[in-house]
Amino acid sequence: MVGSAMVAGLVSVTPANNGSLIGLTTLQNVTNELALIALVACAVAAIVGALRWAFGAGSTNVNEAAAGKKMVVGAVVGAVIIGAAATIINFAYTAGTALK
């Protein structure tokens, strides 16, 4: 038990962006582009969902209106998660490094 505690104290992880990792800028650009594509998809889903909601409500089709409503809510939740992704990851990393 003492030996494992000593080994655990020797291991540490400190991510640093000092420019030595080749391709890091490219990876960041790809990540940003994927986030952009996902946000555009959320916008399209919100528009399509709003149309389904409106047509469903206008034609008294409760199932279509409910499906459209779910689609709009899903698009908004998706956009919030995409926007907060970096903050969520940074929070989780900070919380993890606080564990001793």
C-alpha atoms as a PDB file:
ATOM      1  CA  MET A   1       0.000   0.000   0.000  1.00  0.00           C
ATOM      2  CA  VAL A   2       2.814   2.385   0.808  1.00  0.00           C
ATOM      3  CA  GLY A   3       4.572   1.596  -2.473  1.00  0.00           C
ATOM      4  CA  SER A   4       1.528   2.497  -4.583  1.00  0.00           C
ATOM      5  CA  ALA A   5       1.082   5.783  -2.727  1.00  0.00           C
ATOM      6  CA  MET A   6       4.703   6.647  -3.446  1.00  0.00           C
ATOM      7  CA  VAL A   7       4.306   5.875  -7.167  1.00  0.00           C
ATOM      8  CA  ALA A   8       1.087   7.914  -7.366  1.00  0.00           C
ATOM      9  CA  GLY A   9       2.962  10.921  -6.013  1.00  0.00           C
ATOM     10  CA  LEU A  10       5.594  10.669  -8.762  1.00  0.00           C
ATOM     11  CA  VAL A  11       3.219  10.887 -11.743  1.00  0.00           C
ATOM     12  CA  SER A  12       1.982  14.266 -12.923  1.00  0.00           C
ATOM     13  CA  VAL A  13       0.338  15.649 -16.045  1.00  0.00           C
ATOM     14  CA  THR A  14       0.870  19.252 -17.078  1.00  0.00           C
ATOM     15  CA  PRO A  15      -0.391  20.049 -20.571  1.00  0.00           C
ATOM     16  CA  ALA A  16       1.487  23.020 -21.980  1.00  0.00           C
ATOM     17  CA  ASN A  17       1.119  24.701 -25.339  1.00  0.00           C
ATOM     18  CA  ASN A  18       4.697  25.726 -25.943  1.00  0.00           C
ATOM     19  CA  GLY A  19       4.541  25.238 -29.701  1.00  0.00           C
ATOM     20  CA  SER A  20       6.580  22.037 -29.746  1.00  0.00           C
ATOM     21  CA  LEU A  21       3.726  19.716 -30.796  1.00  0.00           C
ATOM     22  CA  ILE A  22       3.558  19.526 -34.578  1.00  0.00           C
ATOM     23  CA  GLY A  23       0.060  19.893 -35.977  1.00  0.00           C
ATOM     24  CA  LEU A  24      -1.512  21.455 -32.885  1.00  0.00           C
ATOM     25  CA  THR A  25      -2.609  24.528 -34.825  1.00  0.00           C
ATOM     26  CA  THR A  26      -4.146  22.332 -37.506  1.00  0.00           C
ATOM     27  CA  LEU A  27      -5.972  20.291 -34.884  1.00  0.00           C
ATOM     28  CA  GLN A  28      -7.316  23.482 -33.315  1.00  0.00           C
ATOM     29  CA  ASN A  29      -8.493  24.718 -36.725  1.00  0.00           C
ATOM     30  CA  VAL A  30     -10.219  21.394 -37.466  1.00  0.00           C
ATOM     31  CA  THR A  31     -11.920  21.527 -34.057  1.00  0.00           C
ATOM     32  CA  ASN A  32     -13.147  25.063 -34.733  1.00  0.00           C
ATOM     33  CA  GLU A  33     -14.460  24.062 -38.164  1.00  0.00           C
ATOM     34  CA  LEU A  34     -16.292  21.052 -36.721  1.00  0.00           C
ATOM     35  CA  ALA A  35     -17.901  23.307 -34.116  1.00  0.00           C
ATOM     36  CA  LEU A  36     -18.994  25.666 -36.892  1.00  0.00           C
ATOM     37  CA  ILE A  37     -20.524  22.809 -38.889  1.00  0.00           C
ATOM     38  CA  ALA A  38     -22.309  21.529 -35.784  1.00  0.00           C
ATOM     39  CA  LEU A  39     -23.711  25.004 -35.046  1.00  0.00           C
ATOM     40  CA  VAL A  40     -24.975  25.334 -38.622  1.00  0.00           C
ATOM     41  CA  ALA A  41     -26.623  21.923 -38.251  1.00  0.00           C
ATOM     42  CA  CYS A  42     -28.272  23.120 -35.025  1.00  0.00           C
ATOM     43  CA  ALA A  43     -29.571  26.217 -36.802  1.00  0.00           C
ATOM     44  CA  VAL A  44     -31.003  24.125 -39.642  1.00  0.00           C
ATOM     45  CA  ALA A  45     -32.585  21.740 -37.128  1.00  0.00           C
ATOM     46  CA  ALA A  46     -34.150  24.677 -35.272  1.00  0.00           C
ATOM     47  CA  ILE A  47     -35.620  26.086 -38.491  1.00  0.00           C
ATOM     48  CA  VAL A  48     -36.961  22.718 -39.653  1.00  0.00           C
ATOM     49  CA  GLY A  49     -38.316  22.032 -36.168  1.00  0.00           C
ATOM     50  CA  ALA A  50     -40.044  25.410 -36.046  1.00  0.00           C
ATOM     51  CA  LEU A  51     -41.640  24.734 -39.431  1.00  0.00           C
ATOM     52  CA  ARG A  52     -42.849  21.298 -38.295  1.00  0.00           C
ATOM     53  CA  TRP A  53     -44.169  22.841 -35.088  1.00  0.00           C
ATOM     54  CA  ALA A  54     -46.005  25.582 -36.977  1.00  0.00           C
ATOM     55  CA  PHE A  55     -47.493  23.279 -39.609  1.00  0.00           C
ATOM     56  CA  GLY A  56     -48.452  20.742 -36.960  1.00  0.00           C
ATOM     57  CA  ALA A  57     -50.161  23.364 -34.841  1.00  0.00           C
ATOM     58  CA  GLY A  58     -51.844  24.941 -37.874  1.00  0.00           C
ATOM     59  CA  SER A  59     -53.207  21.639 -39.104  1.00  0.00           C
ATOM     60  CA  THR A  60     -54.146  20.450 -35.584  1.00  0.00           C
ATOM     61  CA  ASN A  61     -51.678  17.578 -35.917  1.00  0.00           C
ATOM     62  CA  VAL A  62     -50.557  17.245 -32.314  1.00  0.00           C
ATOM     63  CA  ASN A  63     -47.886  14.631 -33.046  1.00  0.00           C
ATOM     64  CA  GLU A  64     -46.208  16.774 -35.707  1.00  0.00           C
ATOM     65  CA  ALA A  65     -46.299  19.834 -33.466  1.00  0.00           C
ATOM     66  CA  ALA A  66     -44.755  17.877 -30.597  1.00  0.00           C
ATOM     67  CA  ALA A  67     -42.046  16.479 -32.873  1.00  0.00           C
ATOM     68  CA  GLY A  68     -41.230  19.989 -34.094  1.00  0.00           C
ATOM     69  CA  LYS A  69     -41.100  21.287 -30.543  1.00  0.00           C
ATOM     70  CA  LYS A  70     -38.673  18.509 -29.551  1.00  0.00           C
ATOM     71  CA  MET A  71     -36.540  19.294 -32.571  1.00  0.00           C
ATOM     72  CA  VAL A  72     -36.290  22.992 -31.649  1.00  0.00           C
ATOM     73  CA  VAL A  73     -35.425  22.192 -28.030  1.00  0.00           C
ATOM     74  CA  GLY A  74     -32.829  19.636 -29.158  1.00  0.00           C
ATOM     75  CA  ALA A  75     -31.235  22.175 -31.494  1.00  0.00           C
ATOM     76  CA  VAL A  76     -31.024  24.787 -28.745  1.00  0.00           C
ATOM     77  CA  VAL A  77     -29.576  22.306 -26.241  1.00  0.00           C
ATOM     78  CA  GLY A  78     -27.061  21.155 -28.849  1.00  0.00           C
ATOM     79  CA  ALA A  79     -25.961  24.733 -29.519  1.00  0.00           C
ATOM     80  CA  VAL A  80     -25.551  25.390 -25.793  1.00  0.00           C
ATOM     81  CA  ILE A  81     -23.421  22.265 -25.374  1.00  0.00           C
ATOM     82  CA  ILE A  82     -21.270  23.181 -28.385  1.00  0.00           C
ATOM     83  CA  GLY A  83     -20.797  26.715 -27.087  1.00  0.00           C
ATOM     84  CA  ALA A  84     -19.957  25.548 -23.577  1.00  0.00           C
ATOM     85  CA  ALA A  85     -17.769  22.588 -24.604  1.00  0.00           C
ATOM     86  CA  ALA A  86     -14.436  24.291 -23.944  1.00  0.00           C
ATOM     87  CA  THR A  87     -15.635  25.629 -20.594  1.00  0.00           C
ATOM     88  CA  ILE A  88     -16.965  22.203 -19.555  1.00  0.00           C
ATOM     89  CA  ILE A  89     -13.697  20.485 -20.517  1.00  0.00           C
ATOM     90  CA  ASN A  90     -11.585  23.118 -18.745  1.00  0.00           C
ATOM     91  CA  PHE A  91     -13.773  22.857 -15.637  1.00  0.00           C
ATOM     92  CA  ALA A  92     -13.446  19.060 -15.596  1.00  0.00           C
ATOM     93  CA  TYR A  93      -9.659  19.282 -16.024  1.00  0.00           C
ATOM     94  CA  THR A  94      -9.360  21.871 -13.248  1.00  0.00           C
ATOM     95  CA  ALA A  95     -11.567  19.800 -10.953  1.00  0.00           C
ATOM     96  CA  GLY A  96      -9.473  16.732 -11.710  1.00  0.00           C
ATOM     97  CA  THR A  97      -6.189  18.475 -10.963  1.00  0.00           C
ATOM     98  CA  ALA A  98      -7.584  19.647  -7.624  1.00  0.00           C
ATOM     99  CA  LEU A  99      -7.902  16.021  -6.462  1.00  0.00           C
ATOM    100  CA  LYS A 100      -4.942  15.020  -4.356  1.00  0.00           C
END
